[in-house]
């Protein structure tokens, strides 16, 4: 059947897009875990900061407050980095899915053109046109040959007489 090779390529591209989607879902689940951990850490750090602020009001714990603030910055940076990686992966997935869809549409269009028989009809019409041109050229060649023979016969008569 015509197009089975194209269909196989389209199916393979669809499988690639599905794999990217599964990868995106996996990355999303991983980011959700990182986010949950970051939220927990932020809540713990905020609670610790409140305690440290109370201690600072009472006269100490500056170093502990700075360490907690540094830990908060680190967790925030990790979250931002993971979020950027996820968005980049999602952007690449979307680009691939777009290209796949465009190629799939092109292949389906070509397959429809191959199966609808319009190409065969154009070939038949071209053959008819070529046959008509051949007949016309044959007729012209016959007329030219006849005119040449008449001219040769007239020259031969002129030499004899």
N, C-alpha and C. Protein backbone atom coordinates (compact mmCIF):
# COMPACT_ATOMS: atom_id res chain seq x y z
N UNK A 1 0.85 -1.19 0.00
CA UNK A 1 0.00 0.00 0.00
C UNK A 1 0.88 1.23 0.00
N UNK A 2 0.52 2.25 -0.80
CA UNK A 2 1.30 3.47 -0.89
C UNK A 2 1.24 4.21 0.44
N UNK A 3 2.38 4.74 0.86
CA UNK A 3 2.40 5.59 2.06
C UNK A 3 2.74 4.86 3.35
N UNK A 4 2.92 3.54 3.29
CA UNK A 4 3.22 2.85 4.55
C UNK A 4 4.55 3.33 5.11
N UNK A 5 5.52 3.64 4.25
CA UNK A 5 6.80 4.16 4.73
C UNK A 5 6.63 5.51 5.41
N UNK A 6 5.77 6.35 4.83
CA UNK A 6 5.51 7.67 5.42
C UNK A 6 4.79 7.51 6.75
N UNK A 7 3.83 6.60 6.74
CA UNK A 7 3.08 6.40 8.00
C UNK A 7 4.01 5.94 9.11
N UNK A 8 4.95 5.09 8.75
CA UNK A 8 5.90 4.60 9.76
C UNK A 8 6.73 5.77 10.30
N UNK A 9 7.13 6.68 9.40
CA UNK A 9 7.90 7.85 9.87
C UNK A 9 7.03 8.74 10.75
N UNK A 10 5.78 8.93 10.36
CA UNK A 10 4.88 9.76 11.17
C UNK A 10 4.66 9.11 12.53
N UNK A 11 4.45 7.78 12.54
CA UNK A 11 4.27 7.08 13.82
C UNK A 11 5.52 7.21 14.68
N UNK A 12 6.70 7.11 14.05
CA UNK A 12 7.95 7.24 14.81
C UNK A 12 8.07 8.64 15.41
N UNK A 13 7.70 9.65 14.61
CA UNK A 13 7.75 11.02 15.13
C UNK A 13 6.75 11.20 16.26
N UNK A 14 5.58 10.60 16.14
CA UNK A 14 4.57 10.70 17.20
C UNK A 14 5.08 10.04 18.47
N UNK A 15 5.79 8.92 18.32
CA UNK A 15 6.37 8.24 19.48
C UNK A 15 7.42 9.12 20.14
N UNK A 16 8.21 9.82 19.30
CA UNK A 16 9.21 10.74 19.86
C UNK A 16 8.52 11.85 20.66
N UNK A 17 7.44 12.40 20.11
CA UNK A 17 6.71 13.46 20.81
C UNK A 17 6.14 12.92 22.13
N UNK A 18 5.62 11.69 22.11
CA UNK A 18 5.09 11.08 23.33
C UNK A 18 6.21 10.90 24.35
N UNK A 19 7.39 10.49 23.87
CA UNK A 19 8.53 10.32 24.78
C UNK A 19 8.93 11.66 25.40
N UNK A 20 8.89 12.71 24.57
CA UNK A 20 9.19 14.04 25.12
C UNK A 20 8.15 14.44 26.16
N UNK A 21 6.90 14.12 25.89
CA UNK A 21 5.83 14.45 26.84
C UNK A 21 6.04 13.68 28.15
N UNK A 22 6.41 12.39 28.03
CA UNK A 22 6.67 11.61 29.24
C UNK A 22 7.86 12.20 29.99
N UNK A 23 8.87 12.62 29.25
CA UNK A 23 10.04 13.25 29.88
C UNK A 23 9.66 14.54 30.56
N UNK A 24 8.79 15.33 29.91
CA UNK A 24 8.32 16.58 30.52
C UNK A 24 7.54 16.30 31.79
N UNK A 25 6.71 15.27 31.76
CA UNK A 25 5.93 14.91 32.95
C UNK A 25 6.86 14.46 34.07
N UNK A 26 7.89 13.68 33.70
CA UNK A 26 8.87 13.21 34.70
C UNK A 26 9.60 14.41 35.30
N UNK A 27 10.01 15.35 34.42
CA UNK A 27 10.71 16.54 34.91
C UNK A 27 9.77 17.37 35.80
N UNK A 28 8.49 17.47 35.40
CA UNK A 28 7.52 18.21 36.21
C UNK A 28 7.35 17.58 37.58
N UNK A 29 7.32 16.25 37.63
CA UNK A 29 7.19 15.56 38.91
C UNK A 29 8.42 15.82 39.77
N UNK A 30 9.59 15.79 39.14
CA UNK A 30 10.83 16.07 39.87
C UNK A 30 10.85 17.49 40.41
N UNK A 31 10.39 18.43 39.55
CA UNK A 31 10.33 19.82 40.00
C UNK A 31 9.32 20.00 41.13
N UNK A 32 8.24 19.26 41.07
CA UNK A 32 7.25 19.33 42.15
C UNK A 32 7.86 18.88 43.47
N UNK A 33 8.67 17.81 43.41
CA UNK A 33 9.34 17.33 44.61
C UNK A 33 10.33 18.37 45.12
N UNK A 34 11.10 18.97 44.19
CA UNK A 34 12.06 20.00 44.58
C UNK A 34 11.33 21.18 45.19
N UNK A 35 10.20 21.55 44.57
CA UNK A 35 9.42 22.68 45.07
C UNK A 35 8.88 22.38 46.47
N UNK A 36 8.34 21.17 46.66
CA UNK A 36 7.81 20.80 47.97
C UNK A 36 8.92 20.84 49.01
N UNK A 37 10.09 20.32 48.63
CA UNK A 37 11.23 20.34 49.57
C UNK A 37 11.65 21.77 49.85
N UNK A 38 11.66 22.60 48.79
CA UNK A 38 12.04 24.00 48.98
C UNK A 38 11.04 24.72 49.88
N UNK A 39 9.74 24.44 49.69
CA UNK A 39 8.71 25.06 50.54
C UNK A 39 8.91 24.64 51.99
N UNK A 40 9.15 23.35 52.19
CA UNK A 40 9.40 22.86 53.56
C UNK A 40 10.62 23.53 54.16
N UNK A 41 11.70 23.59 53.36
CA UNK A 41 12.93 24.22 53.85
C UNK A 41 12.71 25.70 54.14
N UNK A 42 11.95 26.37 53.26
CA UNK A 42 11.67 27.79 53.47
C UNK A 42 10.84 28.01 54.73
N UNK A 43 9.86 27.15 54.94
CA UNK A 43 9.06 27.26 56.16
C UNK A 43 9.91 27.02 57.40
N UNK A 44 10.79 26.01 57.32
CA UNK A 44 11.68 25.73 58.45
C UNK A 44 12.63 26.89 58.68
N UNK A 45 13.14 27.45 57.56
CA UNK A 45 14.07 28.58 57.68
C UNK A 45 13.35 29.79 58.24
N UNK A 46 12.13 30.03 57.77
CA UNK A 46 11.36 31.18 58.29
C UNK A 46 11.11 31.03 59.78
N UNK A 47 10.75 29.81 60.19
CA UNK A 47 10.54 29.59 61.63
C UNK A 47 11.83 29.81 62.39
N UNK A 48 12.91 29.30 61.83
CA UNK A 48 14.22 29.47 62.48
C UNK A 48 14.60 30.94 62.53
N UNK A 49 14.32 31.67 61.42
CA UNK A 49 14.62 33.10 61.41
C UNK A 49 13.86 33.85 62.50
N UNK A 50 12.59 33.48 62.69
CA UNK A 50 11.81 34.14 63.75
C UNK A 50 12.45 33.90 65.12
N UNK A 51 12.86 32.65 65.31
CA UNK A 51 13.52 32.32 66.59
C UNK A 51 14.82 33.10 66.71
N UNK A 52 15.59 33.14 65.62
CA UNK A 52 16.86 33.85 65.66
C UNK A 52 16.68 35.35 65.85
N UNK A 53 15.63 35.89 65.22
CA UNK A 53 15.35 37.31 65.42
C UNK A 53 15.04 37.61 66.88
N UNK A 54 14.31 36.71 67.52
CA UNK A 54 14.02 36.87 68.94
C UNK A 54 15.32 36.80 69.75
N UNK A 55 16.17 35.86 69.36
CA UNK A 55 17.46 35.74 70.06
C UNK A 55 18.30 37.00 69.84
N UNK A 56 18.23 37.50 68.56
CA UNK A 56 19.01 38.70 68.26
C UNK A 56 18.51 39.88 69.07
N UNK A 57 17.20 39.96 69.27
CA UNK A 57 16.64 41.04 70.09
C UNK A 57 17.13 40.92 71.53
N UNK A 58 17.36 39.68 71.90
CA UNK A 58 17.82 39.45 73.27
C UNK A 58 19.33 39.57 73.38
N UNK A 59 20.03 39.80 72.24
CA UNK A 59 21.45 40.09 72.34
C UNK A 59 22.40 39.11 71.68
N UNK A 60 22.02 38.24 70.79
CA UNK A 60 22.99 37.34 70.18
C UNK A 60 22.41 36.63 68.96
N UNK A 61 23.06 35.65 68.42
CA UNK A 61 22.63 34.78 67.33
C UNK A 61 22.73 35.43 65.95
N UNK A 62 23.57 36.43 65.78
CA UNK A 62 23.75 37.06 64.47
C UNK A 62 24.28 36.05 63.45
N UNK A 63 25.24 35.24 63.85
CA UNK A 63 25.84 34.25 62.93
C UNK A 63 24.81 33.22 62.48
N UNK A 64 23.97 32.79 63.39
CA UNK A 64 22.94 31.81 63.03
C UNK A 64 21.93 32.43 62.05
N UNK A 65 21.60 33.68 62.24
CA UNK A 65 20.67 34.37 61.34
C UNK A 65 21.29 34.50 59.94
N UNK A 66 22.55 34.82 59.87
CA UNK A 66 23.23 34.92 58.58
C UNK A 66 23.29 33.56 57.88
N UNK A 67 23.55 32.50 58.63
CA UNK A 67 23.60 31.15 58.06
C UNK A 67 22.23 30.76 57.51
N UNK A 68 21.18 31.08 58.26
CA UNK A 68 19.83 30.76 57.80
C UNK A 68 19.49 31.56 56.55
N UNK A 69 19.88 32.79 56.49
CA UNK A 69 19.64 33.63 55.32
C UNK A 69 20.40 33.07 54.11
N UNK A 70 21.63 32.63 54.34
CA UNK A 70 22.42 32.02 53.26
C UNK A 70 21.77 30.74 52.76
N UNK A 71 21.27 29.91 53.67
CA UNK A 71 20.59 28.67 53.28
C UNK A 71 19.34 28.99 52.46
N UNK A 72 18.62 30.03 52.86
CA UNK A 72 17.43 30.44 52.12
C UNK A 72 17.80 30.85 50.70
N UNK A 73 18.86 31.61 50.54
CA UNK A 73 19.31 32.03 49.22
C UNK A 73 19.68 30.82 48.36
N UNK A 74 20.38 29.86 48.98
CA UNK A 74 20.80 28.66 48.25
C UNK A 74 19.59 27.87 47.74
N UNK A 75 18.61 27.68 48.61
CA UNK A 75 17.41 26.94 48.22
C UNK A 75 16.65 27.70 47.13
N UNK A 76 16.60 29.00 47.24
CA UNK A 76 15.92 29.82 46.23
C UNK A 76 16.63 29.71 44.89
N UNK A 77 17.97 29.73 44.90
CA UNK A 77 18.73 29.57 43.66
C UNK A 77 18.52 28.20 43.04
N UNK A 78 18.50 27.14 43.86
CA UNK A 78 18.25 25.79 43.35
C UNK A 78 16.88 25.71 42.70
N UNK A 79 15.92 26.32 43.33
CA UNK A 79 14.55 26.31 42.79
C UNK A 79 14.51 27.05 41.45
N UNK A 80 15.16 28.21 41.38
CA UNK A 80 15.19 28.98 40.13
C UNK A 80 15.89 28.21 39.03
N UNK A 81 17.00 27.56 39.37
CA UNK A 81 17.75 26.78 38.38
C UNK A 81 16.91 25.61 37.86
N UNK A 82 16.24 24.91 38.76
CA UNK A 82 15.39 23.78 38.35
C UNK A 82 14.23 24.28 37.50
N UNK A 83 13.68 25.43 37.86
CA UNK A 83 12.56 25.98 37.09
C UNK A 83 13.02 26.37 35.68
N UNK A 84 14.21 26.98 35.56
CA UNK A 84 14.74 27.34 34.25
C UNK A 84 14.99 26.10 33.39
N UNK A 85 15.54 25.05 34.01
CA UNK A 85 15.80 23.81 33.27
C UNK A 85 14.48 23.22 32.77
N UNK A 86 13.47 23.23 33.61
CA UNK A 86 12.17 22.70 33.21
C UNK A 86 11.58 23.52 32.05
N UNK A 87 11.65 24.85 32.15
CA UNK A 87 11.10 25.70 31.10
C UNK A 87 11.85 25.52 29.78
N UNK A 88 13.18 25.32 29.87
CA UNK A 88 13.96 25.08 28.66
C UNK A 88 13.56 23.75 28.02
N UNK A 89 13.42 22.72 28.85
CA UNK A 89 13.00 21.41 28.33
C UNK A 89 11.60 21.49 27.72
N UNK A 90 10.72 22.23 28.35
CA UNK A 90 9.35 22.40 27.83
C UNK A 90 9.38 23.15 26.50
N UNK A 91 10.23 24.20 26.40
CA UNK A 91 10.33 24.96 25.16
C UNK A 91 10.84 24.07 24.03
N UNK A 92 11.88 23.25 24.29
CA UNK A 92 12.40 22.35 23.27
C UNK A 92 11.36 21.30 22.87
N UNK A 93 10.62 20.82 23.84
CA UNK A 93 9.55 19.85 23.56
C UNK A 93 8.50 20.48 22.65
N UNK A 94 8.11 21.70 22.95
CA UNK A 94 7.11 22.39 22.13
C UNK A 94 7.61 22.61 20.71
N UNK A 95 8.90 22.97 20.56
CA UNK A 95 9.46 23.17 19.22
C UNK A 95 9.43 21.87 18.43
N UNK A 96 9.83 20.78 19.07
CA UNK A 96 9.84 19.48 18.39
C UNK A 96 8.43 19.06 18.03
N UNK A 97 7.48 19.28 18.94
CA UNK A 97 6.09 18.92 18.65
C UNK A 97 5.55 19.73 17.48
N UNK A 98 5.93 21.01 17.40
CA UNK A 98 5.49 21.86 16.30
C UNK A 98 6.05 21.36 14.97
N UNK A 99 7.36 21.05 14.96
CA UNK A 99 7.99 20.54 13.74
C UNK A 99 7.37 19.20 13.34
N UNK A 100 7.11 18.36 14.31
CA UNK A 100 6.51 17.06 14.04
C UNK A 100 5.13 17.24 13.41
N UNK A 101 4.34 18.14 13.95
CA UNK A 101 3.00 18.36 13.42
C UNK A 101 3.06 18.88 11.99
N UNK A 102 3.99 19.81 11.71
CA UNK A 102 4.13 20.34 10.36
C UNK A 102 4.55 19.24 9.38
N UNK A 103 5.50 18.41 9.80
CA UNK A 103 5.94 17.32 8.92
C UNK A 103 4.83 16.30 8.72
N UNK A 104 4.10 16.03 9.76
CA UNK A 104 3.00 15.07 9.67
C UNK A 104 1.95 15.57 8.68
N UNK A 105 1.61 16.86 8.74
CA UNK A 105 0.64 17.42 7.80
C UNK A 105 1.16 17.34 6.37
N UNK A 106 2.45 17.63 6.18
CA UNK A 106 3.04 17.55 4.85
C UNK A 106 2.99 16.13 4.30
N UNK A 107 3.32 15.17 5.14
CA UNK A 107 3.30 13.77 4.71
C UNK A 107 1.88 13.31 4.39
N UNK A 108 0.93 13.73 5.20
CA UNK A 108 -0.46 13.34 4.94
C UNK A 108 -0.95 13.94 3.62
N UNK A 109 -0.54 15.19 3.35
CA UNK A 109 -0.92 15.83 2.08
C UNK A 109 -0.32 15.07 0.90
N UNK A 110 0.96 14.73 1.01
CA UNK A 110 1.61 13.97 -0.08
C UNK A 110 0.95 12.61 -0.27
N UNK A 111 0.60 11.98 0.84
CA UNK A 111 -0.03 10.66 0.73
C UNK A 111 -1.40 10.77 0.05
N UNK A 112 -2.17 11.80 0.40
CA UNK A 112 -3.47 12.01 -0.25
C UNK A 112 -3.28 12.25 -1.75
N UNK A 113 -2.26 13.04 -2.10
CA UNK A 113 -1.99 13.31 -3.51
C UNK A 113 -1.62 12.04 -4.26
N UNK A 114 -0.86 11.16 -3.60
CA UNK A 114 -0.48 9.91 -4.24
C UNK A 114 -1.68 8.98 -4.42
N UNK A 115 -2.60 9.02 -3.49
CA UNK A 115 -3.72 8.08 -3.52
C UNK A 115 -4.91 8.59 -4.32
N UNK A 116 -4.99 9.89 -4.60
CA UNK A 116 -6.19 10.39 -5.27
C UNK A 116 -6.18 10.19 -6.79
N UNK A 117 -5.06 9.81 -7.39
CA UNK A 117 -5.02 9.50 -8.82
C UNK A 117 -4.89 10.71 -9.71
N UNK A 118 -4.80 11.92 -9.16
CA UNK A 118 -4.71 13.10 -10.00
C UNK A 118 -3.40 13.10 -10.80
N UNK A 119 -2.36 12.55 -10.24
CA UNK A 119 -1.09 12.47 -10.98
C UNK A 119 -1.22 11.58 -12.20
N UNK A 120 -1.91 10.46 -12.04
CA UNK A 120 -2.13 9.55 -13.17
C UNK A 120 -2.96 10.23 -14.25
N UNK A 121 -3.96 10.98 -13.85
CA UNK A 121 -4.80 11.68 -14.83
C UNK A 121 -3.97 12.71 -15.60
N UNK A 122 -3.07 13.41 -14.90
CA UNK A 122 -2.21 14.39 -15.59
C UNK A 122 -1.28 13.69 -16.57
N UNK A 123 -0.77 12.53 -16.20
CA UNK A 123 0.12 11.78 -17.09
C UNK A 123 -0.65 11.34 -18.33
N UNK A 124 -1.87 10.83 -18.16
CA UNK A 124 -2.70 10.41 -19.31
C UNK A 124 -2.96 11.58 -20.25
N UNK A 125 -3.28 12.74 -19.67
CA UNK A 125 -3.55 13.92 -20.50
C UNK A 125 -2.29 14.33 -21.25
N UNK A 126 -1.14 14.26 -20.61
CA UNK A 126 0.12 14.61 -21.27
C UNK A 126 0.41 13.65 -22.41
N UNK A 127 0.13 12.36 -22.23
CA UNK A 127 0.34 11.37 -23.30
C UNK A 127 -0.57 11.68 -24.48
N UNK A 128 -1.84 12.03 -24.21
CA UNK A 128 -2.76 12.38 -25.31
C UNK A 128 -2.23 13.58 -26.07
N UNK A 129 -1.72 14.58 -25.35
CA UNK A 129 -1.20 15.78 -25.99
C UNK A 129 0.02 15.44 -26.85
N UNK A 130 0.89 14.59 -26.34
CA UNK A 130 2.08 14.18 -27.09
C UNK A 130 1.68 13.42 -28.36
N UNK A 131 0.69 12.52 -28.26
CA UNK A 131 0.23 11.78 -29.44
C UNK A 131 -0.32 12.73 -30.50
N UNK A 132 -1.09 13.73 -30.07
CA UNK A 132 -1.65 14.71 -31.02
C UNK A 132 -0.52 15.50 -31.67
N UNK A 133 0.49 15.87 -30.88
CA UNK A 133 1.63 16.60 -31.45
C UNK A 133 2.39 15.74 -32.46
N UNK A 134 2.52 14.45 -32.18
CA UNK A 134 3.22 13.54 -33.10
C UNK A 134 2.45 13.44 -34.42
N UNK A 135 1.11 13.31 -34.32
CA UNK A 135 0.30 13.24 -35.55
C UNK A 135 0.46 14.52 -36.37
N UNK A 136 0.44 15.65 -35.69
CA UNK A 136 0.59 16.93 -36.38
C UNK A 136 1.97 17.02 -37.04
N UNK A 137 3.02 16.59 -36.33
CA UNK A 137 4.36 16.62 -36.91
C UNK A 137 4.48 15.65 -38.09
N UNK A 138 3.84 14.46 -37.96
CA UNK A 138 3.86 13.51 -39.07
C UNK A 138 3.19 14.11 -40.31
N UNK A 139 2.08 14.79 -40.10
CA UNK A 139 1.37 15.42 -41.22
C UNK A 139 2.24 16.50 -41.84
N UNK A 140 2.87 17.33 -41.02
CA UNK A 140 3.73 18.39 -41.55
C UNK A 140 4.92 17.79 -42.31
N UNK A 141 5.49 16.71 -41.76
CA UNK A 141 6.62 16.07 -42.43
C UNK A 141 6.17 15.51 -43.78
N UNK A 142 4.97 14.92 -43.83
CA UNK A 142 4.44 14.38 -45.10
C UNK A 142 4.23 15.48 -46.12
N UNK A 143 3.67 16.62 -45.66
CA UNK A 143 3.45 17.75 -46.57
C UNK A 143 4.78 18.26 -47.08
N UNK A 144 5.78 18.39 -46.18
CA UNK A 144 7.10 18.89 -46.59
C UNK A 144 7.76 17.92 -47.57
N UNK A 145 7.62 16.61 -47.32
CA UNK A 145 8.20 15.60 -48.22
C UNK A 145 7.54 15.69 -49.59
N UNK A 146 6.23 15.84 -49.63
CA UNK A 146 5.49 15.96 -50.89
C UNK A 146 5.94 17.20 -51.65
N UNK A 147 6.06 18.32 -50.93
CA UNK A 147 6.49 19.57 -51.58
C UNK A 147 7.90 19.42 -52.12
N UNK A 148 8.78 18.74 -51.40
CA UNK A 148 10.15 18.53 -51.85
C UNK A 148 10.16 17.68 -53.12
N UNK A 149 9.37 16.61 -53.15
CA UNK A 149 9.33 15.74 -54.33
C UNK A 149 8.75 16.47 -55.54
N UNK A 150 7.74 17.30 -55.29
CA UNK A 150 7.20 18.09 -56.41
C UNK A 150 8.25 19.04 -56.96
N UNK A 151 8.99 19.64 -56.04
CA UNK A 151 10.04 20.57 -56.46
C UNK A 151 11.13 19.83 -57.22
N UNK A 152 11.51 18.63 -56.76
CA UNK A 152 12.54 17.83 -57.46
C UNK A 152 12.02 17.41 -58.82
N UNK A 153 10.75 17.04 -58.89
CA UNK A 153 10.18 16.62 -60.19
C UNK A 153 10.14 17.80 -61.15
N UNK A 154 9.82 18.99 -60.64
CA UNK A 154 9.75 20.17 -61.50
C UNK A 154 11.14 20.52 -62.01
N UNK A 155 12.15 20.37 -61.20
CA UNK A 155 13.54 20.65 -61.64
C UNK A 155 13.96 19.63 -62.69
N UNK A 156 13.60 18.37 -62.48
CA UNK A 156 13.95 17.33 -63.44
C UNK A 156 13.27 17.62 -64.78
N UNK A 157 12.00 18.05 -64.78
CA UNK A 157 11.28 18.40 -66.01
C UNK A 157 11.94 19.60 -66.70
N UNK A 158 12.38 20.54 -65.89
CA UNK A 158 12.99 21.74 -66.46
C UNK A 158 14.31 21.40 -67.14
N UNK A 159 15.05 20.45 -66.63
CA UNK A 159 16.34 20.07 -67.24
C UNK A 159 16.10 19.31 -68.55
N UNK A 160 15.08 18.53 -68.63
CA UNK A 160 14.81 17.73 -69.82
C UNK A 160 14.24 18.60 -70.93
N UNK A 161 13.53 19.52 -70.58
CA UNK A 161 12.80 20.18 -71.63
C UNK A 161 13.15 21.55 -71.91
